Amino acid sequence: MSDELVNLPATKLAALIRARKVSPVEVVEAHLQRIEQLNPNLNAIVTLAHDSLERAREAEAAITRGDELEPLHGVPFTVKDTIETEGVRTTSGSRLRASH
């Protein structure tokens, strides 16, 4: 199902996660595999959040506990490299900011 997961809209992923048909960890792992396969040629993902799997596990734990969930709980997403994100390198596509 991992190939299917990377092609589903966010709302469908959220519904599957809420219904416990897939876990946030499965979804993130599927997306990380796809990034690993395609990104060397595309160079679309500049920086991966180092804690994405940890956050997926936390999302899964919240579901297991029965916590109240946000609409897109457990759904991975990307943030454009021009937006400052705490704990994630932001280069704005410039070599001058490679270590920013």
C-alpha atoms as a PDB file:
ATOM      1  CA  MET A   1       0.000   0.000   0.000  1.00  0.00           C
ATOM      2  CA  SER A   2       2.983   2.356   0.373  1.00  0.00           C
ATOM      3  CA  ASP A   3       2.868   3.333  -3.314  1.00  0.00           C
ATOM      4  CA  GLU A   4      -0.790   4.186  -2.896  1.00  0.00           C
ATOM      5  CA  LEU A   5      -0.171   6.283   0.206  1.00  0.00           C
ATOM      6  CA  VAL A   6       2.109   8.750  -1.533  1.00  0.00           C
ATOM      7  CA  ASN A   7      -0.504   9.462  -4.193  1.00  0.00           C
ATOM      8  CA  LEU A   8      -3.502  10.070  -1.952  1.00  0.00           C
ATOM      9  CA  PRO A   9      -4.813  13.548  -1.187  1.00  0.00           C
ATOM     10  CA  ALA A  10      -4.191  14.827   2.335  1.00  0.00           C
ATOM     11  CA  THR A  11      -7.877  14.590   3.232  1.00  0.00           C
ATOM     12  CA  LYS A  12      -7.989  10.909   2.258  1.00  0.00           C
ATOM     13  CA  LEU A  13      -4.814  10.190   4.238  1.00  0.00           C
ATOM     14  CA  ALA A  14      -6.306  11.955   7.247  1.00  0.00           C
ATOM     15  CA  ALA A  15      -9.478   9.870   6.970  1.00  0.00           C
ATOM     16  CA  LEU A  16      -7.488   6.631   6.747  1.00  0.00           C
ATOM     17  CA  ILE A  17      -5.381   7.636   9.746  1.00  0.00           C
ATOM     18  CA  ARG A  18      -8.458   8.538  11.817  1.00  0.00           C
ATOM     19  CA  ALA A  19     -10.085   5.234  10.890  1.00  0.00           C
ATOM     20  CA  ARG A  20      -6.851   3.476  11.914  1.00  0.00           C
ATOM     21  CA  LYS A  21      -6.570   1.845   8.511  1.00  0.00           C
ATOM     22  CA  VAL A  22      -3.034   3.216   8.227  1.00  0.00           C
ATOM     23  CA  SER A  23      -0.732   4.674  10.827  1.00  0.00           C
ATOM     24  CA  PRO A  24       1.069   8.009  10.636  1.00  0.00           C
ATOM     25  CA  VAL A  25       4.322   6.042  10.800  1.00  0.00           C
ATOM     26  CA  GLU A  26       3.368   4.021   7.702  1.00  0.00           C
ATOM     27  CA  VAL A  27       2.456   7.200   5.861  1.00  0.00           C
ATOM     28  CA  VAL A  28       5.681   9.000   6.756  1.00  0.00           C
ATOM     29  CA  GLU A  29       7.806   5.953   5.940  1.00  0.00           C
ATOM     30  CA  ALA A  30       6.122   5.682   2.527  1.00  0.00           C
ATOM     31  CA  HIS A  31       6.800   9.337   1.807  1.00  0.00           C
ATOM     32  CA  LEU A  32      10.405   9.095   2.989  1.00  0.00           C
ATOM     33  CA  GLN A  33      10.934   6.118   0.673  1.00  0.00           C
ATOM     34  CA  ARG A  34       9.486   8.069  -2.249  1.00  0.00           C
ATOM     35  CA  ILE A  35      11.690  11.051  -1.454  1.00  0.00           C
ATOM     36  CA  GLU A  36      14.717   8.750  -1.330  1.00  0.00           C
ATOM     37  CA  GLN A  37      13.781   7.298  -4.730  1.00  0.00           C
ATOM     38  CA  LEU A  38      12.996  10.512  -6.581  1.00  0.00           C
ATOM     39  CA  ASN A  39      14.795  13.367  -4.894  1.00  0.00           C
ATOM     40  CA  PRO A  40      18.315  12.627  -6.179  1.00  0.00           C
ATOM     41  CA  ASN A  41      17.071  13.510  -9.678  1.00  0.00           C
ATOM     42  CA  LEU A  42      14.492  16.128  -8.740  1.00  0.00           C
ATOM     43  CA  ASN A  43      16.254  17.914  -5.902  1.00  0.00           C
ATOM     44  CA  ALA A  44      12.807  19.045  -4.764  1.00  0.00           C
ATOM     45  CA  ILE A  45      13.395  18.445  -1.054  1.00  0.00           C
ATOM     46  CA  VAL A  46      16.278  20.555   0.209  1.00  0.00           C
ATOM     47  CA  THR A  47      16.114  19.580   3.875  1.00  0.00           C
ATOM     48  CA  LEU A  48      14.221  16.789   5.603  1.00  0.00           C
ATOM     49  CA  ALA A  49      13.029  17.335   9.141  1.00  0.00           C
ATOM     50  CA  HIS A  50      15.291  15.072  11.174  1.00  0.00           C
ATOM     51  CA  ASP A  51      12.452  14.217  13.538  1.00  0.00           C
ATOM     52  CA  SER A  52       9.734  13.287  11.037  1.00  0.00           C
ATOM     53  CA  LEU A  53       9.507   9.650  12.146  1.00  0.00           C
ATOM     54  CA  GLU A  54       9.553  10.650  15.796  1.00  0.00           C
ATOM     55  CA  ARG A  55       6.684  13.052  15.163  1.00  0.00           C
ATOM     56  CA  ALA A  56       4.799  10.320  13.306  1.00  0.00           C
ATOM     57  CA  ARG A  57       5.207   8.050  16.329  1.00  0.00           C
ATOM     58  CA  GLU A  58       3.908  10.833  18.574  1.00  0.00           C
ATOM     59  CA  ALA A  59       0.924  11.289  16.260  1.00  0.00           C
ATOM     60  CA  GLU A  60       0.243   7.566  16.408  1.00  0.00           C
ATOM     61  CA  ALA A  61       0.455   7.585  20.209  1.00  0.00           C
ATOM     62  CA  ALA A  62      -2.089  10.418  20.357  1.00  0.00           C
ATOM     63  CA  ILE A  63      -4.481   8.366  18.243  1.00  0.00           C
ATOM     64  CA  THR A  64      -3.969   5.336  20.471  1.00  0.00           C
ATOM     65  CA  ARG A  65      -4.657   7.427  23.585  1.00  0.00           C
ATOM     66  CA  GLY A  66      -7.855   8.750  22.047  1.00  0.00           C
ATOM     67  CA  ASP A  67      -6.684  12.371  22.090  1.00  0.00           C
ATOM     68  CA  GLU A  68      -8.678  14.998  20.230  1.00  0.00           C
ATOM     69  CA  LEU A  69      -7.122  15.263  16.776  1.00  0.00           C
ATOM     70  CA  GLU A  70      -6.632  18.155  14.397  1.00  0.00           C
ATOM     71  CA  PRO A  71      -8.104  17.701  10.897  1.00  0.00           C
ATOM     72  CA  LEU A  72      -4.796  16.690   9.261  1.00  0.00           C
ATOM     73  CA  HIS A  73      -3.340  14.883  12.254  1.00  0.00           C
ATOM     74  CA  GLY A  74      -0.528  12.553  11.194  1.00  0.00           C
ATOM     75  CA  VAL A  75      -0.423  13.730   7.577  1.00  0.00           C
ATOM     76  CA  PRO A  76       3.083  14.692   6.401  1.00  0.00           C
ATOM     77  CA  PHE A  77       3.595  17.909   4.483  1.00  0.00           C
ATOM     78  CA  THR A  78       6.335  19.984   2.938  1.00  0.00           C
ATOM     79  CA  VAL A  79       7.210  23.595   3.640  1.00  0.00           C
ATOM     80  CA  LYS A  80       8.769  25.783   0.981  1.00  0.00           C
ATOM     81  CA  ASP A  81      12.437  26.406   1.670  1.00  0.00           C
ATOM     82  CA  THR A  82      11.848  30.152   1.918  1.00  0.00           C
ATOM     83  CA  ILE A  83       9.772  29.853   5.095  1.00  0.00           C
ATOM     84  CA  GLU A  84      11.690  29.897   8.359  1.00  0.00           C
ATOM     85  CA  THR A  85      10.864  26.725  10.289  1.00  0.00           C
ATOM     86  CA  GLU A  86      12.148  26.107  13.797  1.00  0.00           C
ATOM     87  CA  GLY A  87      14.806  23.409  13.861  1.00  0.00           C
ATOM     88  CA  VAL A  88      14.967  23.050  10.066  1.00  0.00           C
ATOM     89  CA  ARG A  89      17.585  24.576   7.773  1.00  0.00           C
ATOM     90  CA  THR A  90      16.184  27.310   5.522  1.00  0.00           C
ATOM     91  CA  THR A  91      18.340  28.083   2.486  1.00  0.00           C
ATOM     92  CA  SER A  92      15.903  29.987   0.262  1.00  0.00           C
ATOM     93  CA  GLY A  93      17.588  28.144  -2.589  1.00  0.00           C
ATOM     94  CA  SER A  94      20.840  30.038  -2.079  1.00  0.00           C
ATOM     95  CA  ARG A  95      24.292  28.615  -1.476  1.00  0.00           C
ATOM     96  CA  LEU A  96      24.961  31.675   0.661  1.00  0.00           C
ATOM     97  CA  ARG A  97      22.366  30.379   3.132  1.00  0.00           C
ATOM     98  CA  ALA A  98      23.385  26.717   2.940  1.00  0.00           C
ATOM     99  CA  SER A  99      24.122  26.549   6.657  1.00  0.00           C
ATOM    100  CA  HIS A 100      21.294  28.831   7.811  1.00  0.00           C
END
